[in-house]
PDB file of all heavy atoms in Angstrom:
ATOM      1  N   GLY A   1    -170.340  98.380-116.123  1.00  0.00           N
ATOM      2  CA  GLY A   1    -171.429  99.327-116.343  1.00  0.00           C
ATOM      3  C   GLY A   1    -171.186 100.595-115.535  1.00  0.00           C
ATOM      4  O   GLY A   1    -170.746 100.528-114.383  1.00  0.00           O
ATOM      5  N   VAL A   2    -171.445 101.744-116.141  1.00  0.00           N
ATOM      6  CA  VAL A   2    -171.296 103.024-115.453  1.00  0.00           C
ATOM      7  C   VAL A   2    -172.636 103.744-115.475  1.00  0.00           C
ATOM      8  O   VAL A   2    -173.225 103.948-116.545  1.00  0.00           O
ATOM      9  CB  VAL A   2    -170.227 103.919-116.119  1.00  0.00           C
ATOM     10  CG1 VAL A   2    -170.123 105.258-115.382  1.00  0.00           C
ATOM     11  CG2 VAL A   2    -168.874 103.218-116.134  1.00  0.00           C
ATOM     12  N   VAL A   3    -173.124 104.092-114.305  1.00  0.00           N
ATOM     13  CA  VAL A   3    -174.336 104.911-114.184  1.00  0.00           C
ATOM     14  C   VAL A   3    -173.906 106.253-113.604  1.00  0.00           C
ATOM     15  O   VAL A   3    -173.230 106.307-112.579  1.00  0.00           O
ATOM     16  CB  VAL A   3    -175.391 104.245-113.278  1.00  0.00           C
ATOM     17  CG1 VAL A   3    -176.560 105.208-113.021  1.00  0.00           C
ATOM     18  CG2 VAL A   3    -175.903 102.959-113.916  1.00  0.00           C
ATOM     19  N   VAL A   4    -174.289 107.329-114.278  1.00  0.00           N
ATOM     20  CA  VAL A   4    -173.952 108.678-113.817  1.00  0.00           C
ATOM     21  C   VAL A   4    -175.103 109.217-112.973  1.00  0.00           C
ATOM     22  O   VAL A   4    -176.254 109.216-113.407  1.00  0.00           O
ATOM     23  CB  VAL A   4    -173.681 109.626-115.006  1.00  0.00           C
ATOM     24  CG1 VAL A   4    -173.478 111.052-114.522  1.00  0.00           C
ATOM     25  CG2 VAL A   4    -172.461 109.147-115.788  1.00  0.00           C
ATOM     26  N   ALA A   5    -174.777 109.640-111.757  1.00  0.00           N
ATOM     27  CA  ALA A   5    -175.765 110.254-110.864  1.00  0.00           C
ATOM     28  C   ALA A   5    -175.326 111.698-110.629  1.00  0.00           C
ATOM     29  O   ALA A   5    -174.528 111.976-109.739  1.00  0.00           O
ATOM     30  CB  ALA A   5    -175.852 109.484-109.555  1.00  0.00           C
ATOM     31  N   GLU A   6    -175.848 112.606-111.445  1.00  0.00           N
ATOM     32  CA  GLU A   6    -175.409 114.005-111.404  1.00  0.00           C
ATOM     33  C   GLU A   6    -176.602 114.936-111.207  1.00  0.00           C
ATOM     34  O   GLU A   6    -177.638 114.772-111.839  1.00  0.00           O
ATOM     35  CB  GLU A   6    -174.677 114.381-112.697  1.00  0.00           C
ATOM     36  CG  GLU A   6    -174.149 115.809-112.691  1.00  0.00           C
ATOM     37  CD  GLU A   6    -173.182 116.078-113.833  1.00  0.00           C
ATOM     38  OE1 GLU A   6    -173.524 115.766-114.993  1.00  0.00           O
ATOM     39  OE2 GLU A   6    -172.079 116.591-113.575  1.00  0.00           O
ATOM     40  N   GLY A   7    -176.444 115.913-110.317  1.00  0.00           N
ATOM     41  CA  GLY A   7    -177.474 116.918-110.089  1.00  0.00           C
ATOM     42  C   GLY A   7    -178.255 116.660-108.814  1.00  0.00           C
ATOM     43  O   GLY A   7    -177.963 115.739-108.035  1.00  0.00           O
ATOM     44  N   SER A   8    -179.264 117.479-108.591  1.00  0.00           N
ATOM     45  CA  SER A   8    -180.109 117.330-107.404  1.00  0.00           C
ATOM     46  C   SER A   8    -180.935 116.049-107.497  1.00  0.00           C
ATOM     47  O   SER A   8    -181.302 115.607-108.584  1.00  0.00           O
ATOM     48  CB  SER A   8    -181.038 118.538-107.274  1.00  0.00           C
ATOM     49  OG  SER A   8    -180.285 119.700-106.986  1.00  0.00           O
ATOM     50  N   ILE A   9    -181.237 115.489-106.333  1.00  0.00           N
ATOM     51  CA  ILE A   9    -181.994 114.228-106.273  1.00  0.00           C
ATOM     52  C   ILE A   9    -183.463 114.547-106.051  1.00  0.00           C
ATOM     53  O   ILE A   9    -183.824 115.224-105.079  1.00  0.00           O
ATOM     54  CB  ILE A   9    -181.458 113.333-105.143  1.00  0.00           C
ATOM     55  CG1 ILE A   9    -179.961 113.063-105.351  1.00  0.00           C
ATOM     56  CG2 ILE A   9    -182.229 112.028-105.078  1.00  0.00           C
ATOM     57  CD1 ILE A   9    -179.301 112.325-104.207  1.00  0.00           C
ATOM     58  N   VAL A  10    -184.312 114.062-106.946  1.00  0.00           N
ATOM     59  CA  VAL A  10    -185.742 114.357-106.887  1.00  0.00           C
ATOM     60  C   VAL A  10    -186.535 113.054-106.926  1.00  0.00           C
ATOM     61  O   VAL A  10    -186.043 112.022-107.379  1.00  0.00           O
ATOM     62  CB  VAL A  10    -186.173 115.277-108.046  1.00  0.00           C
ATOM     63  CG1 VAL A  10    -185.460 116.613-107.971  1.00  0.00           C
ATOM     64  CG2 VAL A  10    -185.928 114.622-109.406  1.00  0.00           C
ATOM     65  N   ASP A  11    -187.766 113.120-106.456  1.00  0.00           N
ATOM     66  CA  ASP A  11    -188.644 111.953-106.513  1.00  0.00           C
ATOM     67  C   ASP A  11    -189.067 111.680-107.952  1.00  0.00           C
ATOM     68  O   ASP A  11    -189.208 112.604-108.762  1.00  0.00           O
ATOM     69  CB  ASP A  11    -189.888 112.187-105.656  1.00  0.00           C
ATOM     70  CG  ASP A  11    -189.560 112.292-104.173  1.00  0.00           C
ATOM     71  OD1 ASP A  11    -188.539 111.721-103.756  1.00  0.00           O
ATOM     72  OD2 ASP A  11    -190.322 112.957-103.437  1.00  0.00           O
ATOM     73  N   GLY A  12    -189.290 110.403-108.268  1.00  0.00           N
ATOM     74  CA  GLY A  12    -189.850 110.037-109.573  1.00  0.00           C
ATOM     75  C   GLY A  12    -188.827 110.057-110.687  1.00  0.00           C
ATOM     76  O   GLY A  12    -187.667 109.685-110.522  1.00  0.00           O
ATOM     77  N   GLU A  13    -189.259 110.503-111.855  1.00  0.00           N
ATOM     78  CA  GLU A  13    -188.430 110.515-113.063  1.00  0.00           C
ATOM     79  C   GLU A  13    -187.717 111.857-113.199  1.00  0.00           C
ATOM     80  O   GLU A  13    -188.206 112.883-112.729  1.00  0.00           O
ATOM     81  CB  GLU A  13    -189.303 110.283-114.303  1.00  0.00           C
ATOM     82  CG  GLU A  13    -190.131 109.006-114.279  1.00  0.00           C
ATOM     83  CD  GLU A  13    -189.329 107.794-114.723  1.00  0.00           C
ATOM     84  OE1 GLU A  13    -188.394 107.970-115.525  1.00  0.00           O
ATOM     85  OE2 GLU A  13    -189.650 106.677-114.253  1.00  0.00           O
ATOM     86  N   ALA A  14    -186.572 111.841-113.852  1.00  0.00           N
ATOM     87  CA  ALA A  14    -185.836 113.082-114.106  1.00  0.00           C
ATOM     88  C   ALA A  14    -185.000 112.916-115.370  1.00  0.00           C
ATOM     89  O   ALA A  14    -184.506 111.825-115.675  1.00  0.00           O
ATOM     90  CB  ALA A  14    -184.933 113.445-112.925  1.00  0.00           C
ATOM     91  N   GLN A  15    -184.857 114.022-116.109  1.00  0.00           N
ATOM     92  CA  GLN A  15    -184.004 114.019-117.295  1.00  0.00           C
ATOM     93  C   GLN A  15    -182.543 114.065-116.878  1.00  0.00           C
ATOM     94  O   GLN A  15    -182.205 114.305-115.718  1.00  0.00           O
ATOM     95  CB  GLN A  15    -184.308 115.232-118.177  1.00  0.00           C
ATOM     96  CG  GLN A  15    -185.555 115.084-119.018  1.00  0.00           C
ATOM     97  CD  GLN A  15    -185.648 116.165-120.078  1.00  0.00           C
ATOM     98  OE1 GLN A  15    -185.014 117.207-119.997  1.00  0.00           O
ATOM     99  NE2 GLN A  15    -186.469 115.930-121.086  1.00  0.00           N
ATOM    100  N   ALA A  16    -181.643 113.833-117.833  1.00  0.00           N
ATOM    101  CA  ALA A  16    -180.214 113.930-117.577  1.00  0.00           C
ATOM    102  C   ALA A  16    -179.895 115.307-116.996  1.00  0.00           C
ATOM    103  O   ALA A  16    -180.435 116.319-117.436  1.00  0.00           O
ATOM    104  CB  ALA A  16    -179.434 113.712-118.868  1.00  0.00           C
ATOM    105  N   GLY A  17    -179.010 115.322-116.013  1.00  0.00           N
ATOM    106  CA  GLY A  17    -178.696 116.565-115.320  1.00  0.00           C
ATOM    107  C   GLY A  17    -179.319 116.621-113.939  1.00  0.00           C
ATOM    108  O   GLY A  17    -178.968 117.472-113.127  1.00  0.00           O
ATOM    109  N   ARG A  18    -180.266 115.693-113.660  1.00  0.00           N
ATOM    110  CA  ARG A  18    -180.832 115.526-112.320  1.00  0.00           C
ATOM    111  C   ARG A  18    -180.978 114.027-112.053  1.00  0.00           C
ATOM    112  O   ARG A  18    -181.010 113.214-112.971  1.00  0.00           O
ATOM    113  CB  ARG A  18    -182.199 116.213-112.190  1.00  0.00           C
ATOM    114  CG  ARG A  18    -182.125 117.724-112.246  1.00  0.00           C
ATOM    115  CD  ARG A  18    -183.295 118.364-111.515  1.00  0.00           C
ATOM    116  NE  ARG A  18    -184.579 117.999-112.080  1.00  0.00           N
ATOM    117  CZ  ARG A  18    -185.753 118.329-111.523  1.00  0.00           C
ATOM    118  NH1 ARG A  18    -185.775 119.009-110.390  1.00  0.00           N
ATOM    119  NH2 ARG A  18    -186.891 117.982-112.091  1.00  0.00           N
ATOM    120  N   ILE A  19    -181.062 113.689-110.771  1.00  0.00           N
ATOM    121  CA  ILE A  19    -181.165 112.284-110.381  1.00  0.00           C
ATOM    122  C   ILE A  19    -182.600 112.006-109.957  1.00  0.00           C
ATOM    123  O   ILE A  19    -183.049 112.464-108.905  1.00  0.00           O
ATOM    124  CB  ILE A  19    -180.208 111.976-109.215  1.00  0.00           C
ATOM    125  CG1 ILE A  19    -178.772 112.338-109.589  1.00  0.00           C
ATOM    126  CG2 ILE A  19    -180.300 110.502-108.818  1.00  0.00           C
ATOM    127  CD1 ILE A  19    -177.828 112.362-108.403  1.00  0.00           C
ATOM    128  N   GLY A  20    -183.336 111.291-110.770  1.00  0.00           N
ATOM    129  CA  GLY A  20    -184.683 110.879-110.398  1.00  0.00           C
ATOM    130  C   GLY A  20    -184.604 109.581-109.610  1.00  0.00           C
ATOM    131  O   GLY A  20    -183.913 108.638-110.027  1.00  0.00           O
ATOM    132  N   GLY A  21    -185.272 109.507-108.477  1.00  0.00           N
ATOM    133  CA  GLY A  21    -185.230 108.281-107.689  1.00  0.00           C
ATOM    134  C   GLY A  21    -185.624 107.077-108.524  1.00  0.00           C
ATOM    135  O   GLY A  21    -184.927 106.053-108.540  1.00  0.00           O
ATOM    136  N   ASP A  22    -186.718 107.192-109.257  1.00  0.00           N
ATOM    137  CA  ASP A  22    -187.206 106.070-110.068  1.00  0.00           C
ATOM    138  C   ASP A  22    -186.347 105.853-111.309  1.00  0.00           C
ATOM    139  O   ASP A  22    -185.978 104.720-111.628  1.00  0.00           O
ATOM    140  CB  ASP A  22    -188.668 106.318-110.492  1.00  0.00           C
ATOM    141  CG  ASP A  22    -189.621 106.288-109.307  1.00  0.00           C
ATOM    142  OD1 ASP A  22    -189.205 105.841-108.219  1.00  0.00           O
ATOM    143  OD2 ASP A  22    -190.781 106.731-109.467  1.00  0.00           O
ATOM    144  N   SER A  23    -186.034 106.929-112.032  1.00  0.00           N
ATOM    145  CA  SER A  23    -185.313 106.772-113.299  1.00  0.00           C
ATOM    146  C   SER A  23    -183.883 106.282-113.087  1.00  0.00           C
ATOM    147  O   SER A  23    -183.394 105.432-113.844  1.00  0.00           O
ATOM    148  CB  SER A  23    -185.312 108.087-114.092  1.00  0.00           C
ATOM    149  OG  SER A  23    -184.920 109.172-113.290  1.00  0.00           O
ATOM    150  N   THR A  24    -183.203 106.769-112.036  1.00  0.00           N
ATOM    151  CA  THR A  24    -181.846 106.286-111.768  1.00  0.00           C
ATOM    152  C   THR A  24    -181.874 104.846-111.273  1.00  0.00           C
ATOM    153  O   THR A  24    -181.007 104.035-111.638  1.00  0.00           O
ATOM    154  CB  THR A  24    -181.144 107.201-110.748  1.00  0.00           C
ATOM    155  OG1 THR A  24    -181.134 108.541-111.254  1.00  0.00           O
ATOM    156  CG2 THR A  24    -179.714 106.761-110.501  1.00  0.00           C
ATOM    157  N   ALA A  25    -182.857 104.508-110.465  1.00  0.00           N
ATOM    158  CA  ALA A  25    -182.999 103.118-110.017  1.00  0.00           C
ATOM    159  C   ALA A  25    -183.212 102.178-111.210  1.00  0.00           C
ATOM    160  O   ALA A  25    -182.682 101.055-111.237  1.00  0.00           O
ATOM    161  CB  ALA A  25    -184.164 103.003-109.033  1.00  0.00           C
ATOM    162  N   GLN A  26    -183.955 102.620-112.194  1.00  0.00           N
ATOM    163  CA  GLN A  26    -184.188 101.806-113.396  1.00  0.00           C
ATOM    164  C   GLN A  26    -182.884 101.553-114.155  1.00  0.00           C
ATOM    165  O   GLN A  26    -182.651 100.453-114.673  1.00  0.00           O
ATOM    166  CB  GLN A  26    -185.196 102.499-114.312  1.00  0.00           C
ATOM    167  CG  GLN A  26    -186.629 102.462-113.793  1.00  0.00           C
ATOM    168  CD  GLN A  26    -187.550 103.405-114.548  1.00  0.00           C
ATOM    169  OE1 GLN A  26    -187.170 103.989-115.572  1.00  0.00           O
ATOM    170  NE2 GLN A  26    -188.759 103.589-114.042  1.00  0.00           N
ATOM    171  N   LEU A  27    -182.016 102.584-114.215  1.00  0.00           N
ATOM    172  CA  LEU A  27    -180.731 102.412-114.898  1.00  0.00           C
ATOM    173  C   LEU A  27    -179.859 101.402-114.155  1.00  0.00           C
ATOM    174  O   LEU A  27    -179.207 100.557-114.782  1.00  0.00           O
ATOM    175  CB  LEU A  27    -180.004 103.764-114.990  1.00  0.00           C
ATOM    176  CG  LEU A  27    -180.682 104.854-115.814  1.00  0.00           C
ATOM    177  CD1 LEU A  27    -179.864 106.141-115.770  1.00  0.00           C
ATOM    178  CD2 LEU A  27    -180.874 104.403-117.254  1.00  0.00           C
ATOM    179  N   ILE A  28    -179.844 101.475-112.836  1.00  0.00           N
ATOM    180  CA  ILE A  28    -179.071 100.519-112.042  1.00  0.00           C
ATOM    181  C   ILE A  28    -179.613  99.105-112.245  1.00  0.00           C
ATOM    182  O   ILE A  28    -178.853  98.136-112.385  1.00  0.00           O
ATOM    183  CB  ILE A  28    -179.103 100.917-110.554  1.00  0.00           C
ATOM    184  CG1 ILE A  28    -178.407 102.268-110.361  1.00  0.00           C
ATOM    185  CG2 ILE A  28    -178.453  99.841-109.683  1.00  0.00           C
ATOM    186  CD1 ILE A  28    -178.616 102.882-108.988  1.00  0.00           C
ATOM    187  N   ARG A  29    -180.948  98.992-112.288  1.00  0.00           N
ATOM    188  CA  ARG A  29    -181.573  97.680-112.501  1.00  0.00           C
ATOM    189  C   ARG A  29    -181.192  97.130-113.879  1.00  0.00           C
ATOM    190  O   ARG A  29    -180.920  95.935-114.030  1.00  0.00           O
ATOM    191  CB  ARG A  29    -183.088  97.820-112.384  1.00  0.00           C
ATOM    192  CG  ARG A  29    -183.825  96.497-112.204  1.00  0.00           C
ATOM    193  CD  ARG A  29    -185.315  96.723-112.005  1.00  0.00           C
ATOM    194  NE  ARG A  29    -185.556  97.728-110.980  1.00  0.00           N
ATOM    195  CZ  ARG A  29    -186.287  98.820-111.145  1.00  0.00           C
ATOM    196  NH1 ARG A  29    -186.878  99.058-112.317  1.00  0.00           N
ATOM    197  NH2 ARG A  29    -186.463  99.671-110.162  1.00  0.00           N
ATOM    198  N   ARG A  30    -181.150  97.997-114.885  1.00  0.00           N
ATOM    199  CA  ARG A  30    -180.759  97.565-116.231  1.00  0.00           C
ATOM    200  C   ARG A  30    -179.346  96.992-116.229  1.00  0.00           C
ATOM    201  O   ARG A  30    -179.063  95.973-116.845  1.00  0.00           O
ATOM    202  CB  ARG A  30    -180.824  98.744-117.205  1.00  0.00           C
ATOM    203  CG  ARG A  30    -182.022  98.692-118.141  1.00  0.00           C
ATOM    204  CD  ARG A  30    -182.113  99.909-119.002  1.00  0.00           C
ATOM    205  NE  ARG A  30    -180.905 100.166-119.778  1.00  0.00           N
ATOM    206  CZ  ARG A  30    -180.632 101.311-120.372  1.00  0.00           C
ATOM    207  NH1 ARG A  30    -181.463 102.326-120.262  1.00  0.00           N
ATOM    208  NH2 ARG A  30    -179.537 101.463-121.076  1.00  0.00           N
ATOM    209  N   ALA A  31    -178.457  97.679-115.528  1.00  0.00           N
ATOM    210  CA  ALA A  31    -177.074  97.200-115.453  1.00  0.00           C
ATOM    211  C   ALA A  31    -177.014  95.856-114.729  1.00  0.00           C
ATOM    212  O   ALA A  31    -176.254  94.956-115.119  1.00  0.00           O
ATOM    213  CB  ALA A  31    -176.210  98.231-114.744  1.00  0.00           C
ATOM    214  N   ARG A  32    -177.802  95.722-113.671  1.00  0.00           N
ATOM    215  CA  ARG A  32    -177.802  94.480-112.895  1.00  0.00           C
ATOM    216  C   ARG A  32    -178.320  93.309-113.727  1.00  0.00           C
ATOM    217  O   ARG A  32    -177.800  92.188-113.632  1.00  0.00           O
ATOM    218  CB  ARG A  32    -178.664  94.653-111.645  1.00  0.00           C
ATOM    219  CG  ARG A  32    -178.663  93.429-110.752  1.00  0.00           C
ATOM    220  CD  ARG A  32    -179.372  93.673-109.434  1.00  0.00           C
ATOM    221  NE  ARG A  32    -180.810  93.818-109.560  1.00  0.00           N
ATOM    222  CZ  ARG A  32    -181.481  94.933-109.304  1.00  0.00           C
ATOM    223  NH1 ARG A  32    -180.841  96.012-108.916  1.00  0.00           N
ATOM    224  NH2 ARG A  32    -182.796  94.988-109.431  1.00  0.00           N
ATOM    225  N   GLU A  33    -179.294  93.555-114.554  1.00  0.00           N
ATOM    226  CA  GLU A  33    -179.922  92.482-115.330  1.00  0.00           C
ATOM    227  C   GLU A  33    -179.189  92.180-116.638  1.00  0.00           C
ATOM    228  O   GLU A  33    -179.529  91.230-117.327  1.00  0.00           O
ATOM    229  CB  GLU A  33    -181.383  92.852-115.610  1.00  0.00           C
ATOM    230  CG  GLU A  33    -182.237  92.887-114.336  1.00  0.00           C
ATOM    231  CD  GLU A  33    -183.628  93.455-114.564  1.00  0.00           C
ATOM    232  OE1 GLU A  33    -183.887  93.927-115.703  1.00  0.00           O
ATOM    233  OE2 GLU A  33    -184.445  93.424-113.622  1.00  0.00           O
ATOM    234  N   ASP A  34    -178.192  93.002-116.981  1.00  0.00           N
ATOM    235  CA  ASP A  34    -177.396  92.773-118.185  1.00  0.00           C
ATOM    236  C   ASP A  34    -176.304  91.755-117.860  1.00  0.00           C
ATOM    237  O   ASP A  34    -175.411  92.009-117.048  1.00  0.00           O
ATOM    238  CB  ASP A  34    -176.762  94.095-118.649  1.00  0.00           C
ATOM    239  CG  ASP A  34    -176.084  93.968-120.005  1.00  0.00           C
ATOM    240  OD1 ASP A  34    -175.613  92.859-120.340  1.00  0.00           O
ATOM    241  OD2 ASP A  34    -176.001  94.988-120.723  1.00  0.00           O
TER     242      ASP A  34
END
């Protein structure tokens, strides 16, 4: 699994091009649970 963490890191959710603390954590969790 590859998770891309690109851009400034912000709290909460973020669209592609920024790293949202919550949204990026959710992607990592998805990879872990797959």
